[in-house]
Structures are given as C-alpha cells and as structure tokens.
All heavy atoms as atom14 arrays in JSON, in Angstrom:
{
  "sequence": "FASSLLDARGLKQVIARLVPATRFDDLKIPLTVTATDLDSGELVLF",
  "atom14_mask": [
    [1, 1, 1, 1, 1, 1, 1, 1, 1, 1, 1, 0, 0, 0],
    [1, 1, 1, 1, 1, 0, 0, 0, 0, 0, 0, 0, 0, 0],
    [1, 1, 1, 1, 1, 1, 0, 0, 0, 0, 0, 0, 0, 0],
    [1, 1, 1, 1, 1, 1, 0, 0, 0, 0, 0, 0, 0, 0],
    [1, 1, 1, 1, 1, 1, 1, 1, 0, 0, 0, 0, 0, 0],
    [1, 1, 1, 1, 1, 1, 1, 1, 0, 0, 0, 0, 0, 0],
    [1, 1, 1, 1, 1, 1, 1, 1, 0, 0, 0, 0, 0, 0],
    [1, 1, 1, 1, 1, 0, 0, 0, 0, 0, 0, 0, 0, 0],
    [1, 1, 1, 1, 1, 1, 1, 1, 1, 1, 1, 0, 0, 0],
    [1, 1, 1, 1, 0, 0, 0, 0, 0, 0, 0, 0, 0, 0],
    [1, 1, 1, 1, 1, 1, 1, 1, 0, 0, 0, 0, 0, 0],
    [1, 1, 1, 1, 1, 1, 1, 1, 1, 0, 0, 0, 0, 0],
    [1, 1, 1, 1, 1, 1, 1, 1, 1, 0, 0, 0, 0, 0],
    [1, 1, 1, 1, 1, 1, 1, 0, 0, 0, 0, 0, 0, 0],
    [1, 1, 1, 1, 1, 1, 1, 1, 0, 0, 0, 0, 0, 0],
    [1, 1, 1, 1, 1, 0, 0, 0, 0, 0, 0, 0, 0, 0],
    [1, 1, 1, 1, 1, 1, 1, 1, 1, 1, 1, 0, 0, 0],
    [1, 1, 1, 1, 1, 1, 1, 1, 0, 0, 0, 0, 0, 0],
    [1, 1, 1, 1, 1, 1, 1, 0, 0, 0, 0, 0, 0, 0],
    [1, 1, 1, 1, 1, 1, 1, 0, 0, 0, 0, 0, 0, 0],
    [1, 1, 1, 1, 1, 0, 0, 0, 0, 0, 0, 0, 0, 0],
    [1, 1, 1, 1, 1, 1, 1, 0, 0, 0, 0, 0, 0, 0],
    [1, 1, 1, 1, 1, 1, 1, 1, 1, 1, 1, 0, 0, 0],
    [1, 1, 1, 1, 1, 1, 1, 1, 1, 1, 1, 0, 0, 0],
    [1, 1, 1, 1, 1, 1, 1, 1, 0, 0, 0, 0, 0, 0],
    [1, 1, 1, 1, 1, 1, 1, 1, 0, 0, 0, 0, 0, 0],
    [1, 1, 1, 1, 1, 1, 1, 1, 0, 0, 0, 0, 0, 0],
    [1, 1, 1, 1, 1, 1, 1, 1, 1, 0, 0, 0, 0, 0],
    [1, 1, 1, 1, 1, 1, 1, 1, 0, 0, 0, 0, 0, 0],
    [1, 1, 1, 1, 1, 1, 1, 0, 0, 0, 0, 0, 0, 0],
    [1, 1, 1, 1, 1, 1, 1, 1, 0, 0, 0, 0, 0, 0],
    [1, 1, 1, 1, 1, 1, 1, 0, 0, 0, 0, 0, 0, 0],
    [1, 1, 1, 1, 1, 1, 1, 0, 0, 0, 0, 0, 0, 0],
    [1, 1, 1, 1, 1, 1, 1, 0, 0, 0, 0, 0, 0, 0],
    [1, 1, 1, 1, 1, 0, 0, 0, 0, 0, 0, 0, 0, 0],
    [1, 1, 1, 1, 1, 1, 1, 0, 0, 0, 0, 0, 0, 0],
    [1, 1, 1, 1, 1, 1, 1, 1, 0, 0, 0, 0, 0, 0],
    [1, 1, 1, 1, 1, 1, 1, 1, 0, 0, 0, 0, 0, 0],
    [1, 1, 1, 1, 1, 1, 1, 1, 0, 0, 0, 0, 0, 0],
    [1, 1, 1, 1, 1, 1, 0, 0, 0, 0, 0, 0, 0, 0],
    [1, 1, 1, 1, 0, 0, 0, 0, 0, 0, 0, 0, 0, 0],
    [1, 1, 1, 1, 1, 1, 1, 1, 1, 0, 0, 0, 0, 0],
    [1, 1, 1, 1, 1, 1, 1, 1, 0, 0, 0, 0, 0, 0],
    [1, 1, 1, 1, 1, 1, 1, 0, 0, 0, 0, 0, 0, 0],
    [1, 1, 1, 1, 1, 1, 1, 1, 0, 0, 0, 0, 0, 0],
    [1, 1, 1, 1, 1, 1, 1, 1, 1, 1, 1, 0, 0, 0]
  ],
  "atom14_positions": [
    [[0.98, 83.57, 181.69], [1.83, 84.76, 181.75], [1.35, 85.87, 180.82], [1.94, 86.93, 180.78], [3.29, 84.34, 181.36], [3.92, 83.4, 182.33], [4.01, 82.09, 181.99], [4.35, 83.83, 183.6], [4.54, 81.18, 182.87], [4.92, 82.9, 184.5], [5.04, 81.58, 184.12], [0.0, 0.0, 0.0], [0.0, 0.0, 0.0], [0.0, 0.0, 0.0]],
    [[0.25, 85.69, 180.17], [-0.29, 86.73, 179.26], [-0.99, 87.83, 180.21], [-1.45, 87.58, 181.27], [-1.4, 86.2, 178.37], [0.0, 0.0, 0.0], [0.0, 0.0, 0.0], [0.0, 0.0, 0.0], [0.0, 0.0, 0.0], [0.0, 0.0, 0.0], [0.0, 0.0, 0.0], [0.0, 0.0, 0.0], [0.0, 0.0, 0.0], [0.0, 0.0, 0.0]],
    [[-0.88, 89.02, 179.68], [-1.44, 90.22, 180.43], [-3.01, 90.23, 180.42], [-3.67, 90.89, 181.22], [-0.88, 91.5, 179.82], [-1.22, 91.66, 178.53], [0.0, 0.0, 0.0], [0.0, 0.0, 0.0], [0.0, 0.0, 0.0], [0.0, 0.0, 0.0], [0.0, 0.0, 0.0], [0.0, 0.0, 0.0], [0.0, 0.0, 0.0], [0.0, 0.0, 0.0]],
    [[-3.62, 89.52, 179.43], [-5.07, 89.53, 179.31], [-5.49, 88.32, 178.48], [-4.63, 87.81, 177.7], [-5.59, 90.85, 178.65], [-5.08, 90.97, 177.41], [0.0, 0.0, 0.0], [0.0, 0.0, 0.0], [0.0, 0.0, 0.0], [0.0, 0.0, 0.0], [0.0, 0.0, 0.0], [0.0, 0.0, 0.0], [0.0, 0.0, 0.0], [0.0, 0.0, 0.0]],
    [[-6.72, 88.02, 178.59], [-7.2, 86.81, 177.83], [-7.61, 87.12, 176.38], [-7.42, 86.37, 175.42], [-8.45, 86.23, 178.51], [-8.16, 85.58, 179.88], [-9.62, 85.15, 180.5], [-7.31, 84.42, 179.84], [0.0, 0.0, 0.0], [0.0, 0.0, 0.0], [0.0, 0.0, 0.0], [0.0, 0.0, 0.0], [0.0, 0.0, 0.0], [0.0, 0.0, 0.0]],
    [[-8.05, 88.4, 176.17], [-8.57, 88.79, 174.86], [-7.82, 89.88, 174.23], [-7.11, 90.69, 174.92], [-10.11, 89.28, 175.03], [-11.03, 88.21, 175.73], [-12.38, 88.79, 175.86], [-11.07, 86.89, 174.82], [0.0, 0.0, 0.0], [0.0, 0.0, 0.0], [0.0, 0.0, 0.0], [0.0, 0.0, 0.0], [0.0, 0.0, 0.0], [0.0, 0.0, 0.0]],
    [[-7.84, 89.97, 172.96], [-7.13, 90.97, 172.14], [-7.95, 92.3, 172.18], [-9.08, 92.3, 171.94], [-6.96, 90.5, 170.7], [-6.15, 91.38, 169.9], [-5.74, 92.37, 170.4], [-5.85, 90.99, 168.72], [0.0, 0.0, 0.0], [0.0, 0.0, 0.0], [0.0, 0.0, 0.0], [0.0, 0.0, 0.0], [0.0, 0.0, 0.0], [0.0, 0.0, 0.0]],
    [[-7.28, 93.32, 172.47], [-7.98, 94.65, 172.54], [-8.49, 95.12, 171.14], [-9.47, 95.86, 171.13], [-6.87, 95.66, 173.08], [0.0, 0.0, 0.0], [0.0, 0.0, 0.0], [0.0, 0.0, 0.0], [0.0, 0.0, 0.0], [0.0, 0.0, 0.0], [0.0, 0.0, 0.0], [0.0, 0.0, 0.0], [0.0, 0.0, 0.0], [0.0, 0.0, 0.0]],
    [[-7.88, 94.6, 170.12], [-8.33, 95.19, 168.81], [-9.84, 94.89, 168.51], [-10.46, 95.7, 167.87], [-7.42, 94.58, 167.68], [-6.05, 95.18, 167.74], [-5.11, 94.48, 166.68], [-4.92, 93.02, 167.0], [-4.09, 92.24, 166.3], [-3.54, 92.75, 165.27], [-3.99, 91.01, 166.64], [0.0, 0.0, 0.0], [0.0, 0.0, 0.0], [0.0, 0.0, 0.0]],
    [[-10.28, 93.71, 168.92], [-11.7, 93.42, 168.59], [-12.66, 94.4, 169.3], [-13.6, 94.99, 168.66], [0.0, 0.0, 0.0], [0.0, 0.0, 0.0], [0.0, 0.0, 0.0], [0.0, 0.0, 0.0], [0.0, 0.0, 0.0], [0.0, 0.0, 0.0], [0.0, 0.0, 0.0], [0.0, 0.0, 0.0], [0.0, 0.0, 0.0], [0.0, 0.0, 0.0]],
    [[-12.44, 94.71, 170.59], [-13.25, 95.68, 171.31], [-13.16, 97.07, 170.71], [-14.16, 97.75, 170.53], [-12.87, 95.68, 172.78], [-13.59, 96.69, 173.67], [-15.05, 96.53, 173.57], [-13.06, 96.54, 175.12], [0.0, 0.0, 0.0], [0.0, 0.0, 0.0], [0.0, 0.0, 0.0], [0.0, 0.0, 0.0], [0.0, 0.0, 0.0], [0.0, 0.0, 0.0]],
    [[-11.89, 97.45, 170.36], [-11.69, 98.79, 169.69], [-12.49, 98.95, 168.44], [-13.02, 99.93, 168.11], [-10.24, 99.07, 169.49], [-9.51, 99.28, 170.82], [-8.0, 99.56, 170.63], [-7.34, 99.87, 171.93], [-5.89, 100.06, 171.72], [0.0, 0.0, 0.0], [0.0, 0.0, 0.0], [0.0, 0.0, 0.0], [0.0, 0.0, 0.0], [0.0, 0.0, 0.0]],
    [[-12.5, 97.82, 167.63], [-13.27, 97.85, 166.35], [-14.73, 97.88, 166.58], [-15.48, 98.6, 165.79], [-12.89, 96.6, 165.53], [-11.43, 96.66, 165.02], [-10.95, 95.37, 164.4], [-11.72, 94.42, 164.42], [-9.71, 95.29, 163.93], [0.0, 0.0, 0.0], [0.0, 0.0, 0.0], [0.0, 0.0, 0.0], [0.0, 0.0, 0.0], [0.0, 0.0, 0.0]],
    [[-15.27, 97.28, 167.6], [-16.65, 97.33, 167.94], [-17.06, 98.77, 168.29], [-18.02, 99.28, 167.92], [-17.02, 96.29, 169.05], [-18.41, 96.56, 169.65], [-16.89, 94.87, 168.58], [0.0, 0.0, 0.0], [0.0, 0.0, 0.0], [0.0, 0.0, 0.0], [0.0, 0.0, 0.0], [0.0, 0.0, 0.0], [0.0, 0.0, 0.0], [0.0, 0.0, 0.0]],
    [[-16.22, 99.39, 169.17], [-16.52, 100.75, 169.56], [-16.58, 101.7, 168.35], [-17.45, 102.49, 168.22], [-15.38, 101.24, 170.57], [-15.53, 100.52, 171.87], [-15.51, 102.76, 170.73], [-14.43, 100.77, 172.82], [0.0, 0.0, 0.0], [0.0, 0.0, 0.0], [0.0, 0.0, 0.0], [0.0, 0.0, 0.0], [0.0, 0.0, 0.0], [0.0, 0.0, 0.0]],
    [[-15.63, 101.47, 167.42], [-15.64, 102.37, 166.2], [-16.85, 102.09, 165.31], [-17.27, 103.0, 164.7], [-14.31, 102.06, 165.42], [0.0, 0.0, 0.0], [0.0, 0.0, 0.0], [0.0, 0.0, 0.0], [0.0, 0.0, 0.0], [0.0, 0.0, 0.0], [0.0, 0.0, 0.0], [0.0, 0.0, 0.0], [0.0, 0.0, 0.0], [0.0, 0.0, 0.0]],
    [[-17.33, 100.86, 165.26], [-18.56, 100.59, 164.5], [-19.75, 101.17, 165.14], [-20.69, 101.68, 164.36], [-18.72, 99.09, 164.43], [-17.71, 98.38, 163.46], [-17.85, 96.92, 163.45], [-19.17, 96.4, 162.92], [-19.49, 95.14, 162.94], [-18.58, 94.18, 163.26], [-20.68, 94.79, 162.44], [0.0, 0.0, 0.0], [0.0, 0.0, 0.0], [0.0, 0.0, 0.0]],
    [[-19.83, 101.23, 166.45], [-21.03, 101.74, 167.1], [-21.08, 103.27, 167.31], [-22.16, 103.86, 167.37], [-21.21, 101.03, 168.47], [-21.55, 99.56, 168.48], [-21.4, 98.98, 169.89], [-22.95, 99.37, 167.98], [0.0, 0.0, 0.0], [0.0, 0.0, 0.0], [0.0, 0.0, 0.0], [0.0, 0.0, 0.0], [0.0, 0.0, 0.0], [0.0, 0.0, 0.0]],
    [[-19.89, 103.9, 167.46], [-19.84, 105.28, 167.78], [-19.29, 106.1, 166.6], [-18.09, 106.02, 166.34], [-19.01, 105.54, 169.06], [-18.97, 106.99, 169.4], [-19.53, 104.73, 170.21], [0.0, 0.0, 0.0], [0.0, 0.0, 0.0], [0.0, 0.0, 0.0], [0.0, 0.0, 0.0], [0.0, 0.0, 0.0], [0.0, 0.0, 0.0], [0.0, 0.0, 0.0]],
    [[-20.08, 106.85, 165.9], [-19.58, 107.54, 164.73], [-18.64, 108.72, 165.03], [-17.82, 109.07, 164.2], [-20.84, 108.05, 164.0], [-21.87, 108.1, 165.05], [-21.53, 107.05, 166.07], [0.0, 0.0, 0.0], [0.0, 0.0, 0.0], [0.0, 0.0, 0.0], [0.0, 0.0, 0.0], [0.0, 0.0, 0.0], [0.0, 0.0, 0.0], [0.0, 0.0, 0.0]],
    [[-18.81, 109.31, 166.2], [-17.96, 110.46, 166.54], [-16.62, 109.93, 167.11], [-16.56, 108.89, 167.68], [-18.71, 111.34, 167.59], [0.0, 0.0, 0.0], [0.0, 0.0, 0.0], [0.0, 0.0, 0.0], [0.0, 0.0, 0.0], [0.0, 0.0, 0.0], [0.0, 0.0, 0.0], [0.0, 0.0, 0.0], [0.0, 0.0, 0.0], [0.0, 0.0, 0.0]],
    [[-15.6, 110.8, 166.88], [-14.33, 110.44, 167.42], [-13.78, 111.43, 168.46], [-12.79, 111.17, 169.11], [-13.26, 110.33, 166.26], [-13.2, 111.67, 165.57], [-13.64, 109.27, 165.25], [0.0, 0.0, 0.0], [0.0, 0.0, 0.0], [0.0, 0.0, 0.0], [0.0, 0.0, 0.0], [0.0, 0.0, 0.0], [0.0, 0.0, 0.0], [0.0, 0.0, 0.0]],
    [[-14.5, 112.54, 168.64], [-14.09, 113.55, 169.64], [-15.26, 113.87, 170.53], [-16.47, 113.85, 170.14], [-13.63, 114.81, 168.96], [-12.49, 114.66, 168.01], [-11.99, 116.05, 167.48], [-13.13, 116.8, 166.99], [-13.16, 118.08, 167.0], [-12.07, 118.84, 167.43], [-14.18, 118.81, 166.54], [0.0, 0.0, 0.0], [0.0, 0.0, 0.0], [0.0, 0.0, 0.0]],
    [[-14.98, 114.23, 171.8], [-16.06, 114.59, 172.67], [-16.77, 115.87, 172.18], [-17.91, 116.07, 172.3], [-15.45, 114.88, 174.07], [-15.3, 113.63, 174.89], [-14.01, 113.06, 174.92], [-16.32, 113.09, 175.63], [-13.81, 111.91, 175.72], [-16.13, 111.97, 176.41], [-14.85, 111.37, 176.44], [0.0, 0.0, 0.0], [0.0, 0.0, 0.0], [0.0, 0.0, 0.0]],
    [[-16.01, 116.77, 171.5], [-16.55, 117.99, 170.92], [-17.53, 117.78, 169.91], [-18.29, 118.69, 169.56], [-15.44, 118.93, 170.55], [-14.59, 119.5, 171.68], [-15.11, 119.42, 172.8], [-13.51, 120.06, 171.4], [0.0, 0.0, 0.0], [0.0, 0.0, 0.0], [0.0, 0.0, 0.0], [0.0, 0.0, 0.0], [0.0, 0.0, 0.0], [0.0, 0.0, 0.0]],
    [[-17.52, 116.56, 169.22], [-18.44, 116.27, 168.14], [-19.81, 115.87, 168.64], [-20.71, 115.72, 167.84], [-17.85, 115.22, 167.18], [-16.6, 115.64, 166.5], [-16.46, 116.94, 166.28], [-15.72, 114.81, 166.19], [0.0, 0.0, 0.0], [0.0, 0.0, 0.0], [0.0, 0.0, 0.0], [0.0, 0.0, 0.0], [0.0, 0.0, 0.0], [0.0, 0.0, 0.0]],
    [[-19.95, 115.57, 169.91], [-21.19, 115.03, 170.48], [-22.24, 116.12, 170.52], [-21.92, 117.29, 170.86], [-20.94, 114.42, 171.79], [-19.96, 113.23, 171.85], [-19.75, 112.8, 173.27], [-20.4, 112.14, 170.97], [0.0, 0.0, 0.0], [0.0, 0.0, 0.0], [0.0, 0.0, 0.0], [0.0, 0.0, 0.0], [0.0, 0.0, 0.0], [0.0, 0.0, 0.0]],
    [[-23.51, 115.72, 170.32], [-24.62, 116.7, 170.37], [-25.04, 116.87, 171.88], [-25.8, 117.83, 172.15], [-25.75, 116.22, 169.53], [-25.37, 115.97, 168.1], [-26.57, 115.48, 167.23], [-26.16, 115.14, 165.88], [-25.57, 116.35, 165.13], [0.0, 0.0, 0.0], [0.0, 0.0, 0.0], [0.0, 0.0, 0.0], [0.0, 0.0, 0.0], [0.0, 0.0, 0.0]],
    [[-24.82, 115.95, 172.73], [-25.14, 116.01, 174.13], [-23.88, 115.77, 174.96], [-23.1, 114.87, 174.59], [-26.22, 114.89, 174.52], [-27.47, 115.12, 173.69], [-26.55, 115.01, 176.02], [-28.5, 114.0, 173.88], [0.0, 0.0, 0.0], [0.0, 0.0, 0.0], [0.0, 0.0, 0.0], [0.0, 0.0, 0.0], [0.0, 0.0, 0.0], [0.0, 0.0, 0.0]],
    [[-23.57, 116.53, 175.95], [-22.42, 116.42, 176.73], [-22.4, 114.98, 177.35], [-23.38, 114.49, 177.81], [-22.51, 117.44, 177.84], [-23.36, 118.57, 177.31], [-24.31, 117.8, 176.36], [0.0, 0.0, 0.0], [0.0, 0.0, 0.0], [0.0, 0.0, 0.0], [0.0, 0.0, 0.0], [0.0, 0.0, 0.0], [0.0, 0.0, 0.0], [0.0, 0.0, 0.0]],
    [[-21.22, 114.38, 177.33], [-21.04, 113.0, 177.78], [-19.82, 112.92, 178.8], [-18.75, 113.48, 178.55], [-20.73, 112.07, 176.61], [-20.31, 110.66, 176.98], [-21.52, 109.79, 177.42], [-19.69, 109.99, 175.64], [0.0, 0.0, 0.0], [0.0, 0.0, 0.0], [0.0, 0.0, 0.0], [0.0, 0.0, 0.0], [0.0, 0.0, 0.0], [0.0, 0.0, 0.0]],
    [[-20.04, 112.25, 179.91], [-18.97, 111.82, 180.81], [-18.73, 110.4, 180.76], [-19.66, 109.63, 180.92], [-19.34, 112.3, 182.26], [-19.49, 113.74, 182.28], [-18.2, 111.89, 183.2], [0.0, 0.0, 0.0], [0.0, 0.0, 0.0], [0.0, 0.0, 0.0], [0.0, 0.0, 0.0], [0.0, 0.0, 0.0], [0.0, 0.0, 0.0], [0.0, 0.0, 0.0]],
    [[-17.44, 110.01, 180.61], [-17.04, 108.54, 180.55], [-16.21, 108.34, 181.7], [-15.26, 109.08, 182.02], [-16.3, 108.29, 179.19], [-15.75, 106.9, 179.2], [-17.18, 108.53, 178.01], [0.0, 0.0, 0.0], [0.0, 0.0, 0.0], [0.0, 0.0, 0.0], [0.0, 0.0, 0.0], [0.0, 0.0, 0.0], [0.0, 0.0, 0.0], [0.0, 0.0, 0.0]],
    [[-16.44, 107.25, 182.43], [-15.61, 106.91, 183.58], [-14.65, 105.82, 183.36], [-14.88, 104.96, 182.53], [-16.55, 106.42, 184.75], [-17.03, 105.14, 184.52], [-17.8, 107.4, 184.93], [0.0, 0.0, 0.0], [0.0, 0.0, 0.0], [0.0, 0.0, 0.0], [0.0, 0.0, 0.0], [0.0, 0.0, 0.0], [0.0, 0.0, 0.0], [0.0, 0.0, 0.0]],
    [[-13.55, 105.85, 184.07], [-12.55, 104.78, 184.0], [-11.92, 104.66, 185.45], [-12.21, 105.62, 186.26], [-11.53, 104.98, 182.99], [0.0, 0.0, 0.0], [0.0, 0.0, 0.0], [0.0, 0.0, 0.0], [0.0, 0.0, 0.0], [0.0, 0.0, 0.0], [0.0, 0.0, 0.0], [0.0, 0.0, 0.0], [0.0, 0.0, 0.0], [0.0, 0.0, 0.0]],
    [[-11.16, 103.63, 185.67], [-10.52, 103.49, 186.95], [-8.95, 103.46, 186.78], [-8.53, 102.68, 186.0], [-10.99, 102.17, 187.68], [-12.43, 102.14, 187.75], [-10.35, 102.02, 189.04], [0.0, 0.0, 0.0], [0.0, 0.0, 0.0], [0.0, 0.0, 0.0], [0.0, 0.0, 0.0], [0.0, 0.0, 0.0], [0.0, 0.0, 0.0], [0.0, 0.0, 0.0]],
    [[-8.35, 104.23, 187.61], [-6.81, 104.15, 187.66], [-6.43, 103.0, 188.47], [-6.71, 102.91, 189.59], [-6.29, 105.47, 188.23], [-4.76, 105.58, 188.16], [-4.11, 104.61, 188.48], [-4.25, 106.68, 187.76], [0.0, 0.0, 0.0], [0.0, 0.0, 0.0], [0.0, 0.0, 0.0], [0.0, 0.0, 0.0], [0.0, 0.0, 0.0], [0.0, 0.0, 0.0]],
    [[-5.75, 102.02, 187.77], [-5.42, 100.77, 188.4], [-4.39, 100.94, 189.55], [-4.3, 100.01, 190.41], [-4.95, 99.72, 187.39], [-5.98, 99.2, 186.41], [-5.36, 98.24, 185.39], [-7.15, 98.51, 187.14], [0.0, 0.0, 0.0], [0.0, 0.0, 0.0], [0.0, 0.0, 0.0], [0.0, 0.0, 0.0], [0.0, 0.0, 0.0], [0.0, 0.0, 0.0]],
    [[-3.67, 101.96, 189.53], [-2.6, 102.23, 190.56], [-3.09, 103.0, 191.79], [-2.84, 102.64, 192.85], [-1.41, 102.77, 189.91], [-0.77, 101.86, 188.83], [-0.41, 100.73, 189.21], [-0.71, 102.26, 187.66], [0.0, 0.0, 0.0], [0.0, 0.0, 0.0], [0.0, 0.0, 0.0], [0.0, 0.0, 0.0], [0.0, 0.0, 0.0], [0.0, 0.0, 0.0]],
    [[-3.81, 104.07, 191.47], [-4.24, 104.98, 192.56], [-5.63, 104.56, 193.07], [-6.05, 104.97, 194.16], [-4.31, 106.41, 192.11], [-5.28, 106.6, 191.14], [0.0, 0.0, 0.0], [0.0, 0.0, 0.0], [0.0, 0.0, 0.0], [0.0, 0.0, 0.0], [0.0, 0.0, 0.0], [0.0, 0.0, 0.0], [0.0, 0.0, 0.0], [0.0, 0.0, 0.0]],
    [[-6.37, 103.85, 192.33], [-7.82, 103.55, 192.66], [-8.78, 104.67, 192.34], [-9.98, 104.55, 192.71], [0.0, 0.0, 0.0], [0.0, 0.0, 0.0], [0.0, 0.0, 0.0], [0.0, 0.0, 0.0], [0.0, 0.0, 0.0], [0.0, 0.0, 0.0], [0.0, 0.0, 0.0], [0.0, 0.0, 0.0], [0.0, 0.0, 0.0], [0.0, 0.0, 0.0]],
    [[-8.31, 105.73, 191.71], [-9.16, 106.94, 191.46], [-10.17, 106.61, 190.4], [-9.92, 105.87, 189.45], [-8.34, 108.1, 191.08], [-7.46, 108.64, 192.2], [-6.5, 109.72, 191.66], [-5.99, 109.5, 190.54], [-6.34, 110.72, 192.37], [0.0, 0.0, 0.0], [0.0, 0.0, 0.0], [0.0, 0.0, 0.0], [0.0, 0.0, 0.0], [0.0, 0.0, 0.0]],
    [[-11.37, 107.15, 190.55], [-12.38, 107.21, 189.49], [-12.05, 108.33, 188.6], [-12.07, 109.52, 189.07], [-13.77, 107.28, 190.03], [-14.96, 107.3, 188.98], [-14.99, 105.93, 188.3], [-16.26, 107.64, 189.68], [0.0, 0.0, 0.0], [0.0, 0.0, 0.0], [0.0, 0.0, 0.0], [0.0, 0.0, 0.0], [0.0, 0.0, 0.0], [0.0, 0.0, 0.0]],
    [[-11.73, 108.08, 187.36], [-11.31, 109.12, 186.4], [-12.43, 109.46, 185.44], [-13.11, 108.54, 184.96], [-10.05, 108.67, 185.62], [-9.62, 109.72, 184.61], [-8.89, 108.32, 186.57], [0.0, 0.0, 0.0], [0.0, 0.0, 0.0], [0.0, 0.0, 0.0], [0.0, 0.0, 0.0], [0.0, 0.0, 0.0], [0.0, 0.0, 0.0], [0.0, 0.0, 0.0]],
    [[-12.72, 110.75, 185.31], [-13.82, 111.2, 184.4], [-13.29, 111.84, 183.23], [-12.32, 112.69, 183.21], [-14.74, 112.19, 185.12], [-15.25, 111.72, 186.56], [-16.24, 112.81, 187.03], [-15.99, 110.48, 186.38], [0.0, 0.0, 0.0], [0.0, 0.0, 0.0], [0.0, 0.0, 0.0], [0.0, 0.0, 0.0], [0.0, 0.0, 0.0], [0.0, 0.0, 0.0]],
    [[-13.81, 111.4, 182.02], [-13.4, 112.1, 180.74], [-14.68, 112.78, 180.21], [-15.78, 112.22, 180.34], [-12.88, 111.08, 179.72], [-11.55, 110.44, 180.1], [-11.58, 109.12, 180.52], [-10.48, 111.07, 179.97], [-10.37, 108.46, 180.97], [-9.21, 110.49, 180.26], [-9.2, 109.18, 180.77], [0.0, 0.0, 0.0], [0.0, 0.0, 0.0], [0.0, 0.0, 0.0]]
  ]
}
C-alpha cells in the first residue's frame, strides 16, 4: 500500500551534491529539464 519503494530524500540529496546551482538563472548555459504530467500525459518543460 506504499506510494513508492524508495524514499525521495536520498535522491534529492544526491541532486544537491551534484548540482551546485539552485536556480535556472544561475546556470551558465541554458538548460531545459523534462518531466511527465502523470494525469494529462503531457511532456512538461522547465
């Protein structure tokens, strides 16, 4: 009945260790990040 097998905190901490910037505006090269809307099926771009 769990919503997922793994704890999100571990992955979030790994992301923080690897990526020093916290805002898109801090990046030296423009970046597009993709995700999927689980309800609409849309490919979402950030």
